[in-house]
PDB file of all heavy atoms in Angstrom:
ATOM      1  N   PRO A   1     -66.446 -41.247   7.585  1.00  0.00           N
ATOM      2  CA  PRO A   1     -66.551 -42.568   7.028  1.00  0.00           C
ATOM      3  C   PRO A   1     -66.688 -42.573   5.434  1.00  0.00           C
ATOM      4  O   PRO A   1     -67.165 -41.690   4.840  1.00  0.00           O
ATOM      5  CB  PRO A   1     -67.875 -43.096   7.606  1.00  0.00           C
ATOM      6  CG  PRO A   1     -68.608 -41.889   8.044  1.00  0.00           C
ATOM      7  CD  PRO A   1     -67.612 -40.882   8.215  1.00  0.00           C
ATOM      8  N   SER A   2     -65.868 -43.425   4.849  1.00  0.00           N
ATOM      9  CA  SER A   2     -65.933 -43.556   3.367  1.00  0.00           C
ATOM     10  C   SER A   2     -66.220 -45.063   3.023  1.00  0.00           C
ATOM     11  O   SER A   2     -65.351 -45.815   2.744  1.00  0.00           O
ATOM     12  CB  SER A   2     -64.533 -43.069   2.776  1.00  0.00           C
ATOM     13  OG  SER A   2     -63.513 -43.852   3.299  1.00  0.00           O
ATOM     14  N   GLY A   3     -67.417 -45.411   3.052  1.00  0.00           N
ATOM     15  CA  GLY A   3     -67.780 -46.840   2.773  1.00  0.00           C
ATOM     16  C   GLY A   3     -67.851 -47.636   4.068  1.00  0.00           C
ATOM     17  O   GLY A   3     -67.873 -47.139   5.155  1.00  0.00           O
ATOM     18  N   ARG A   4     -67.885 -49.035   3.830  1.00  0.00           N
ATOM     19  CA  ARG A   4     -67.887 -49.892   4.983  1.00  0.00           C
ATOM     20  C   ARG A   4     -66.611 -49.826   5.807  1.00  0.00           C
ATOM     21  O   ARG A   4     -65.570 -49.782   5.217  1.00  0.00           O
ATOM     22  CB  ARG A   4     -68.191 -51.271   4.567  1.00  0.00           C
ATOM     23  CG  ARG A   4     -69.639 -51.612   4.288  1.00  0.00           C
ATOM     24  CD  ARG A   4     -69.838 -53.070   3.914  1.00  0.00           C
ATOM     25  NE  ARG A   4     -69.463 -54.001   5.044  1.00  0.00           N
ATOM     26  CZ  ARG A   4     -70.283 -54.526   5.878  1.00  0.00           C
ATOM     27  NH1 ARG A   4     -71.580 -54.232   5.792  1.00  0.00           N
ATOM     28  NH2 ARG A   4     -69.908 -55.405   6.701  1.00  0.00           N
ATOM     29  N   VAL A   5     -66.690 -49.977   7.090  1.00  0.00           N
ATOM     30  CA  VAL A   5     -65.600 -50.068   7.937  1.00  0.00           C
ATOM     31  C   VAL A   5     -65.023 -51.538   8.024  1.00  0.00           C
ATOM     32  O   VAL A   5     -63.837 -51.685   8.023  1.00  0.00           O
ATOM     33  CB  VAL A   5     -65.879 -49.543   9.355  1.00  0.00           C
ATOM     34  CG1 VAL A   5     -64.758 -49.816  10.420  1.00  0.00           C
ATOM     35  CG2 VAL A   5     -66.323 -48.050   9.349  1.00  0.00           C
ATOM     36  N   VAL A   6     -65.925 -52.442   7.997  1.00  0.00           N
ATOM     37  CA  VAL A   6     -65.689 -53.876   8.159  1.00  0.00           C
ATOM     38  C   VAL A   6     -65.783 -54.497   6.837  1.00  0.00           C
ATOM     39  O   VAL A   6     -66.643 -54.379   6.178  1.00  0.00           O
ATOM     40  CB  VAL A   6     -66.633 -54.529   9.127  1.00  0.00           C
ATOM     41  CG1 VAL A   6     -66.263 -56.052   9.294  1.00  0.00           C
ATOM     42  CG2 VAL A   6     -66.518 -53.882  10.526  1.00  0.00           C
ATOM     43  N   SER A   7     -64.752 -55.300   6.421  1.00  0.00           N
ATOM     44  CA  SER A   7     -64.750 -56.191   5.278  1.00  0.00           C
ATOM     45  C   SER A   7     -64.711 -57.662   5.710  1.00  0.00           C
ATOM     46  O   SER A   7     -63.707 -58.010   6.401  1.00  0.00           O
ATOM     47  CB  SER A   7     -63.633 -55.759   4.320  1.00  0.00           C
ATOM     48  OG  SER A   7     -62.331 -55.872   4.906  1.00  0.00           O
ATOM     49  N   CYS A   8     -65.594 -58.391   5.223  1.00  0.00           N
ATOM     50  CA  CYS A   8     -65.588 -59.745   5.656  1.00  0.00           C
ATOM     51  C   CYS A   8     -66.058 -60.762   4.664  1.00  0.00           C
ATOM     52  O   CYS A   8     -66.570 -61.768   4.931  1.00  0.00           O
ATOM     53  CB  CYS A   8     -66.659 -59.861   6.882  1.00  0.00           C
ATOM     54  SG  CYS A   8     -68.237 -59.221   6.595  1.00  0.00           S
ATOM     55  N   GLY A   9     -65.943 -60.399   3.444  1.00  0.00           N
ATOM     56  CA  GLY A   9     -66.307 -61.395   2.343  1.00  0.00           C
ATOM     57  C   GLY A   9     -67.665 -61.453   2.221  1.00  0.00           C
ATOM     58  O   GLY A   9     -68.485 -60.512   2.028  1.00  0.00           O
ATOM     59  N   PRO A  10     -68.278 -62.664   2.405  1.00  0.00           N
ATOM     60  CA  PRO A  10     -69.726 -62.838   2.279  1.00  0.00           C
ATOM     61  C   PRO A  10     -70.535 -62.352   3.467  1.00  0.00           C
ATOM     62  O   PRO A  10     -71.718 -62.111   3.423  1.00  0.00           O
ATOM     63  CB  PRO A  10     -69.962 -64.337   2.200  1.00  0.00           C
ATOM     64  CG  PRO A  10     -68.719 -64.947   2.808  1.00  0.00           C
ATOM     65  CD  PRO A  10     -67.602 -63.941   2.492  1.00  0.00           C
ATOM     66  N   CYS A  11     -69.818 -62.044   4.609  1.00  0.00           N
ATOM     67  CA  CYS A  11     -70.472 -61.540   5.817  1.00  0.00           C
ATOM     68  C   CYS A  11     -71.602 -62.386   6.255  1.00  0.00           C
ATOM     69  O   CYS A  11     -72.752 -61.938   6.480  1.00  0.00           O
ATOM     70  CB  CYS A  11     -70.896 -60.034   5.660  1.00  0.00           C
ATOM     71  SG  CYS A  11     -69.507 -58.918   5.572  1.00  0.00           S
ATOM     72  N   ASP A  12     -71.425 -63.671   6.406  1.00  0.00           N
ATOM     73  CA  ASP A  12     -72.513 -64.604   6.790  1.00  0.00           C
ATOM     74  C   ASP A  12     -72.734 -64.513   8.325  1.00  0.00           C
ATOM     75  O   ASP A  12     -73.696 -65.059   8.854  1.00  0.00           O
ATOM     76  CB  ASP A  12     -72.195 -66.002   6.494  1.00  0.00           C
ATOM     77  CG  ASP A  12     -70.856 -66.551   7.040  1.00  0.00           C
ATOM     78  OD1 ASP A  12     -70.161 -65.716   7.657  1.00  0.00           O
ATOM     79  OD2 ASP A  12     -70.577 -67.751   6.845  1.00  0.00           O
ATOM     80  N   PHE A  13     -71.826 -63.827   9.072  1.00  0.00           N
ATOM     81  CA  PHE A  13     -71.941 -63.517  10.425  1.00  0.00           C
ATOM     82  C   PHE A  13     -72.001 -64.876  11.302  1.00  0.00           C
ATOM     83  O   PHE A  13     -72.649 -64.939  12.321  1.00  0.00           O
ATOM     84  CB  PHE A  13     -73.023 -62.636  10.832  1.00  0.00           C
ATOM     85  CG  PHE A  13     -72.729 -61.735  11.941  1.00  0.00           C
ATOM     86  CD1 PHE A  13     -71.950 -60.623  11.685  1.00  0.00           C
ATOM     87  CD2 PHE A  13     -73.191 -61.989  13.222  1.00  0.00           C
ATOM     88  CE1 PHE A  13     -71.626 -59.794  12.714  1.00  0.00           C
ATOM     89  CE2 PHE A  13     -72.896 -61.105  14.150  1.00  0.00           C
ATOM     90  CZ  PHE A  13     -72.039 -60.016  13.931  1.00  0.00           C
ATOM     91  N   ALA A  14     -71.372 -66.002  10.822  1.00  0.00           N
ATOM     92  CA  ALA A  14     -71.455 -67.149  11.593  1.00  0.00           C
ATOM     93  C   ALA A  14     -70.339 -67.186  12.629  1.00  0.00           C
ATOM     94  O   ALA A  14     -69.252 -66.493  12.401  1.00  0.00           O
ATOM     95  CB  ALA A  14     -71.118 -68.392  10.622  1.00  0.00           C
ATOM     96  N   PRO A  15     -70.528 -67.804  13.816  1.00  0.00           N
ATOM     97  CA  PRO A  15     -69.517 -67.703  14.802  1.00  0.00           C
ATOM     98  C   PRO A  15     -68.129 -68.302  14.310  1.00  0.00           C
ATOM     99  O   PRO A  15     -68.170 -69.348  13.597  1.00  0.00           O
ATOM    100  CB  PRO A  15     -70.084 -68.623  15.907  1.00  0.00           C
ATOM    101  CG  PRO A  15     -71.520 -68.647  15.726  1.00  0.00           C
ATOM    102  CD  PRO A  15     -71.732 -68.432  14.268  1.00  0.00           C
ATOM    103  N   GLY A  16     -67.111 -67.585  14.562  1.00  0.00           N
ATOM    104  CA  GLY A  16     -65.787 -67.944  14.211  1.00  0.00           C
ATOM    105  C   GLY A  16     -65.376 -67.520  12.803  1.00  0.00           C
ATOM    106  O   GLY A  16     -64.210 -67.642  12.359  1.00  0.00           O
ATOM    107  N   SER A  17     -66.267 -66.837  12.075  1.00  0.00           N
ATOM    108  CA  SER A  17     -65.900 -66.382  10.712  1.00  0.00           C
ATOM    109  C   SER A  17     -64.970 -65.138  10.819  1.00  0.00           C
ATOM    110  O   SER A  17     -65.286 -64.266  11.632  1.00  0.00           O
ATOM    111  CB  SER A  17     -67.193 -66.178   9.854  1.00  0.00           C
ATOM    112  OG  SER A  17     -67.874 -65.149  10.501  1.00  0.00           O
ATOM    113  N   PRO A  18     -64.013 -65.073   9.974  1.00  0.00           N
ATOM    114  CA  PRO A  18     -62.988 -63.985  10.117  1.00  0.00           C
ATOM    115  C   PRO A  18     -63.550 -62.663   9.350  1.00  0.00           C
ATOM    116  O   PRO A  18     -64.298 -62.796   8.429  1.00  0.00           O
ATOM    117  CB  PRO A  18     -61.732 -64.488   9.413  1.00  0.00           C
ATOM    118  CG  PRO A  18     -62.322 -65.425   8.356  1.00  0.00           C
ATOM    119  CD  PRO A  18     -63.511 -66.032   8.945  1.00  0.00           C
ATOM    120  N   PHE A  19     -63.077 -61.579   9.811  1.00  0.00           N
ATOM    121  CA  PHE A  19     -63.392 -60.223   9.230  1.00  0.00           C
ATOM    122  C   PHE A  19     -62.221 -59.339   9.522  1.00  0.00           C
ATOM    123  O   PHE A  19     -61.417 -59.600  10.465  1.00  0.00           O
ATOM    124  CB  PHE A  19     -64.662 -59.718   9.684  1.00  0.00           C
ATOM    125  CG  PHE A  19     -64.736 -59.261  11.030  1.00  0.00           C
ATOM    126  CD1 PHE A  19     -64.341 -58.043  11.475  1.00  0.00           C
ATOM    127  CD2 PHE A  19     -65.035 -60.160  12.062  1.00  0.00           C
ATOM    128  CE1 PHE A  19     -64.451 -57.652  12.780  1.00  0.00           C
ATOM    129  CE2 PHE A  19     -65.134 -59.841  13.399  1.00  0.00           C
ATOM    130  CZ  PHE A  19     -64.775 -58.566  13.802  1.00  0.00           C
ATOM    131  N   THR A  20     -62.019 -58.278   8.706  1.00  0.00           N
ATOM    132  CA  THR A  20     -61.047 -57.384   8.966  1.00  0.00           C
ATOM    133  C   THR A  20     -61.640 -55.962   8.986  1.00  0.00           C
ATOM    134  O   THR A  20     -62.628 -55.671   8.411  1.00  0.00           O
ATOM    135  CB  THR A  20     -59.898 -57.372   7.816  1.00  0.00           C
ATOM    136  OG1 THR A  20     -60.556 -57.045   6.594  1.00  0.00           O
ATOM    137  CG2 THR A  20     -59.219 -58.742   7.763  1.00  0.00           C
ATOM    138  N   VAL A  21     -60.854 -55.080   9.664  1.00  0.00           N
ATOM    139  CA  VAL A  21     -61.129 -53.641   9.835  1.00  0.00           C
ATOM    140  C   VAL A  21     -60.008 -52.868   9.242  1.00  0.00           C
ATOM    141  O   VAL A  21     -58.852 -52.986   9.686  1.00  0.00           O
ATOM    142  CB  VAL A  21     -61.431 -53.225  11.259  1.00  0.00           C
ATOM    143  CG1 VAL A  21     -61.800 -51.661  11.263  1.00  0.00           C
ATOM    144  CG2 VAL A  21     -62.655 -54.028  11.818  1.00  0.00           C
ATOM    145  N   ASP A  22     -60.225 -52.145   8.144  1.00  0.00           N
ATOM    146  CA  ASP A  22     -59.182 -51.175   7.591  1.00  0.00           C
ATOM    147  C   ASP A  22     -59.644 -49.802   7.661  1.00  0.00           C
ATOM    148  O   ASP A  22     -60.663 -49.392   7.113  1.00  0.00           O
ATOM    149  CB  ASP A  22     -58.969 -51.609   6.183  1.00  0.00           C
ATOM    150  CG  ASP A  22     -58.284 -52.977   5.980  1.00  0.00           C
ATOM    151  OD1 ASP A  22     -57.250 -53.223   6.709  1.00  0.00           O
ATOM    152  OD2 ASP A  22     -58.766 -53.836   5.240  1.00  0.00           O
ATOM    153  N   LEU A  23     -58.868 -48.947   8.337  1.00  0.00           N
ATOM    154  CA  LEU A  23     -59.189 -47.550   8.436  1.00  0.00           C
ATOM    155  C   LEU A  23     -58.030 -46.727   7.844  1.00  0.00           C
ATOM    156  O   LEU A  23     -56.837 -47.081   7.964  1.00  0.00           O
ATOM    157  CB  LEU A  23     -59.321 -47.170   9.857  1.00  0.00           C
ATOM    158  CG  LEU A  23     -60.481 -47.871  10.701  1.00  0.00           C
ATOM    159  CD1 LEU A  23     -60.394 -47.424  12.169  1.00  0.00           C
ATOM    160  CD2 LEU A  23     -61.847 -47.537  10.041  1.00  0.00           C
ATOM    161  N   HIS A  24     -58.398 -45.647   7.208  1.00  0.00           N
ATOM    162  CA  HIS A  24     -57.382 -44.668   6.573  1.00  0.00           C
ATOM    163  C   HIS A  24     -57.843 -43.272   7.014  1.00  0.00           C
ATOM    164  O   HIS A  24     -58.971 -43.000   6.897  1.00  0.00           O
ATOM    165  CB  HIS A  24     -57.322 -44.875   5.085  1.00  0.00           C
ATOM    166  CG  HIS A  24     -57.101 -46.257   4.633  1.00  0.00           C
ATOM    167  ND1 HIS A  24     -55.873 -46.853   4.700  1.00  0.00           N
ATOM    168  CD2 HIS A  24     -57.946 -47.165   4.108  1.00  0.00           C
ATOM    169  CE1 HIS A  24     -56.053 -48.087   4.205  1.00  0.00           C
ATOM    170  NE2 HIS A  24     -57.200 -48.340   3.936  1.00  0.00           N
ATOM    171  N   THR A  25     -56.824 -42.505   7.366  1.00  0.00           N
ATOM    172  CA  THR A  25     -57.098 -41.072   7.569  1.00  0.00           C
ATOM    173  C   THR A  25     -55.948 -40.221   7.061  1.00  0.00           C
ATOM    174  O   THR A  25     -54.850 -40.779   6.943  1.00  0.00           O
ATOM    175  CB  THR A  25     -57.376 -40.870   9.037  1.00  0.00           C
ATOM    176  OG1 THR A  25     -57.751 -39.450   9.180  1.00  0.00           O
ATOM    177  CG2 THR A  25     -56.123 -41.123   9.884  1.00  0.00           C
ATOM    178  N   LEU A  26     -56.247 -38.961   6.816  1.00  0.00           N
ATOM    179  CA  LEU A  26     -55.186 -38.126   6.193  1.00  0.00           C
ATOM    180  C   LEU A  26     -54.861 -37.038   7.285  1.00  0.00           C
ATOM    181  O   LEU A  26     -55.730 -36.334   7.777  1.00  0.00           O
ATOM    182  CB  LEU A  26     -55.594 -37.461   4.940  1.00  0.00           C
ATOM    183  CG  LEU A  26     -54.662 -36.560   4.237  1.00  0.00           C
ATOM    184  CD1 LEU A  26     -53.561 -37.398   3.661  1.00  0.00           C
ATOM    185  CD2 LEU A  26     -55.334 -35.761   3.098  1.00  0.00           C
ATOM    186  N   VAL A  27     -53.599 -36.979   7.606  1.00  0.00           N
ATOM    187  CA  VAL A  27     -53.118 -36.044   8.655  1.00  0.00           C
ATOM    188  C   VAL A  27     -52.625 -34.748   7.972  1.00  0.00           C
ATOM    189  O   VAL A  27     -51.635 -34.944   7.235  1.00  0.00           O
ATOM    190  CB  VAL A  27     -52.068 -36.606   9.602  1.00  0.00           C
ATOM    191  CG1 VAL A  27     -51.691 -35.647  10.640  1.00  0.00           C
ATOM    192  CG2 VAL A  27     -52.584 -37.926  10.192  1.00  0.00           C
ATOM    193  N   THR A  28     -53.262 -33.659   8.107  1.00  0.00           N
ATOM    194  CA  THR A  28     -52.709 -32.484   7.462  1.00  0.00           C
ATOM    195  C   THR A  28     -51.594 -31.860   8.378  1.00  0.00           C
ATOM    196  O   THR A  28     -51.662 -32.073   9.588  1.00  0.00           O
ATOM    197  CB  THR A  28     -53.779 -31.415   7.365  1.00  0.00           C
ATOM    198  OG1 THR A  28     -54.359 -31.116   8.561  1.00  0.00           O
ATOM    199  CG2 THR A  28     -54.874 -31.870   6.394  1.00  0.00           C
ATOM    200  N   LEU A  29     -50.601 -31.351   7.764  1.00  0.00           N
ATOM    201  CA  LEU A  29     -49.428 -30.827   8.523  1.00  0.00           C
ATOM    202  C   LEU A  29     -49.863 -29.497   9.211  1.00  0.00           C
ATOM    203  O   LEU A  29     -50.767 -28.802   8.880  1.00  0.00           O
ATOM    204  CB  LEU A  29     -48.292 -30.529   7.623  1.00  0.00           C
ATOM    205  CG  LEU A  29     -47.761 -31.746   6.877  1.00  0.00           C
ATOM    206  CD1 LEU A  29     -46.639 -31.371   5.854  1.00  0.00           C
ATOM    207  CD2 LEU A  29     -47.127 -32.670   7.847  1.00  0.00           C
ATOM    208  N   PRO A  30     -49.217 -29.257  10.409  1.00  0.00           N
ATOM    209  CA  PRO A  30     -49.622 -28.107  11.181  1.00  0.00           C
ATOM    210  C   PRO A  30     -49.369 -26.742  10.327  1.00  0.00           C
ATOM    211  O   PRO A  30     -48.497 -26.676   9.483  1.00  0.00           O
ATOM    212  CB  PRO A  30     -48.703 -28.091  12.360  1.00  0.00           C
ATOM    213  CG  PRO A  30     -48.118 -29.463  12.395  1.00  0.00           C
ATOM    214  CD  PRO A  30     -48.241 -29.980  11.044  1.00  0.00           C
ATOM    215  N   PHE A  31     -50.394 -25.841  10.537  1.00  0.00           N
ATOM    216  CA  PHE A  31     -50.297 -24.545   9.982  1.00  0.00           C
ATOM    217  C   PHE A  31     -50.494 -24.475   8.501  1.00  0.00           C
ATOM    218  O   PHE A  31     -50.188 -23.457   7.853  1.00  0.00           O
ATOM    219  CB  PHE A  31     -49.022 -23.721  10.385  1.00  0.00           C
ATOM    220  CG  PHE A  31     -48.754 -23.713  11.777  1.00  0.00           C
ATOM    221  CD1 PHE A  31     -47.578 -24.259  12.344  1.00  0.00           C
ATOM    222  CD2 PHE A  31     -49.620 -23.238  12.683  1.00  0.00           C
ATOM    223  CE1 PHE A  31     -47.333 -24.226  13.718  1.00  0.00           C
ATOM    224  CE2 PHE A  31     -49.367 -23.180  14.035  1.00  0.00           C
ATOM    225  CZ  PHE A  31     -48.237 -23.680  14.560  1.00  0.00           C
ATOM    226  N   VAL A  32     -50.991 -25.558   7.857  1.00  0.00           N
ATOM    227  CA  VAL A  32     -51.277 -25.609   6.551  1.00  0.00           C
ATOM    228  C   VAL A  32     -52.782 -25.306   6.320  1.00  0.00           C
ATOM    229  O   VAL A  32     -53.615 -25.913   6.920  1.00  0.00           O
ATOM    230  CB  VAL A  32     -51.039 -27.068   5.871  1.00  0.00           C
ATOM    231  CG1 VAL A  32     -51.506 -27.167   4.527  1.00  0.00           C
ATOM    232  CG2 VAL A  32     -49.538 -27.337   6.018  1.00  0.00           C
ATOM    233  N   PRO A  33     -53.213 -24.335   5.446  1.00  0.00           N
ATOM    234  CA  PRO A  33     -54.544 -23.907   5.394  1.00  0.00           C
ATOM    235  C   PRO A  33     -55.400 -25.003   4.788  1.00  0.00           C
ATOM    236  O   PRO A  33     -54.932 -25.812   3.985  1.00  0.00           O
ATOM    237  CB  PRO A  33     -54.522 -22.711   4.525  1.00  0.00           C
ATOM    238  CG  PRO A  33     -53.124 -22.505   4.030  1.00  0.00           C
ATOM    239  CD  PRO A  33     -52.299 -23.443   4.729  1.00  0.00           C
ATOM    240  N   HIS A  34     -56.713 -25.063   5.160  1.00  0.00           N
ATOM    241  CA  HIS A  34     -57.618 -26.160   4.655  1.00  0.00           C
ATOM    242  C   HIS A  34     -57.804 -26.096   3.117  1.00  0.00           C
ATOM    243  O   HIS A  34     -57.985 -27.103   2.518  1.00  0.00           O
ATOM    244  CB  HIS A  34     -58.983 -26.099   5.394  1.00  0.00           C
ATOM    245  CG  HIS A  34     -58.781 -26.431   6.822  1.00  0.00           C
ATOM    246  ND1 HIS A  34     -58.516 -27.713   7.274  1.00  0.00           N
ATOM    247  CD2 HIS A  34     -58.894 -25.738   7.930  1.00  0.00           C
ATOM    248  CE1 HIS A  34     -58.471 -27.846   8.572  1.00  0.00           C
ATOM    249  NE2 HIS A  34     -58.689 -26.629   9.021  1.00  0.00           N
ATOM    250  N   TRP A  35     -57.675 -24.926   2.555  1.00  0.00           N
ATOM    251  CA  TRP A  35     -57.984 -24.883   1.112  1.00  0.00           C
ATOM    252  C   TRP A  35     -56.818 -25.485   0.377  1.00  0.00           C
ATOM    253  O   TRP A  35     -56.944 -25.844  -0.861  1.00  0.00           O
ATOM    254  CB  TRP A  35     -58.099 -23.345   0.677  1.00  0.00           C
ATOM    255  CG  TRP A  35     -56.957 -22.456   1.009  1.00  0.00           C
ATOM    256  CD1 TRP A  35     -56.758 -21.691   2.072  1.00  0.00           C
ATOM    257  CD2 TRP A  35     -55.874 -22.221   0.178  1.00  0.00           C
ATOM    258  NE1 TRP A  35     -55.593 -20.971   2.023  1.00  0.00           N
ATOM    259  CE2 TRP A  35     -55.025 -21.312   0.836  1.00  0.00           C
ATOM    260  CE3 TRP A  35     -55.405 -22.735  -1.077  1.00  0.00           C
ATOM    261  CZ2 TRP A  35     -53.830 -20.812   0.312  1.00  0.00           C
ATOM    262  CZ3 TRP A  35     -54.184 -22.225  -1.547  1.00  0.00           C
ATOM    263  CH2 TRP A  35     -53.420 -21.347  -0.807  1.00  0.00           C
ATOM    264  N   MET A  36     -55.686 -25.725   0.995  1.00  0.00           N
ATOM    265  CA  MET A  36     -54.561 -26.407   0.248  1.00  0.00           C
ATOM    266  C   MET A  36     -54.842 -27.902   0.253  1.00  0.00           C
ATOM    267  O   MET A  36     -54.151 -28.655  -0.438  1.00  0.00           O
ATOM    268  CB  MET A  36     -53.208 -26.131   0.890  1.00  0.00           C
ATOM    269  CG  MET A  36     -52.754 -24.672   0.624  1.00  0.00           C
ATOM    270  SD  MET A  36     -51.134 -24.497   1.284  1.00  0.00           S
ATOM    271  CE  MET A  36     -50.113 -25.464   0.116  1.00  0.00           C
TER     272      MET A  36
END
């Protein structure tokens, strides 16, 4: 995790209020050493 998973503006958590989930990950190529 790098910060909040959910972004919802004021996050008032009222029924019907919109929110978004943005996730990012880095895929290392096969057989590439971790130090690279």
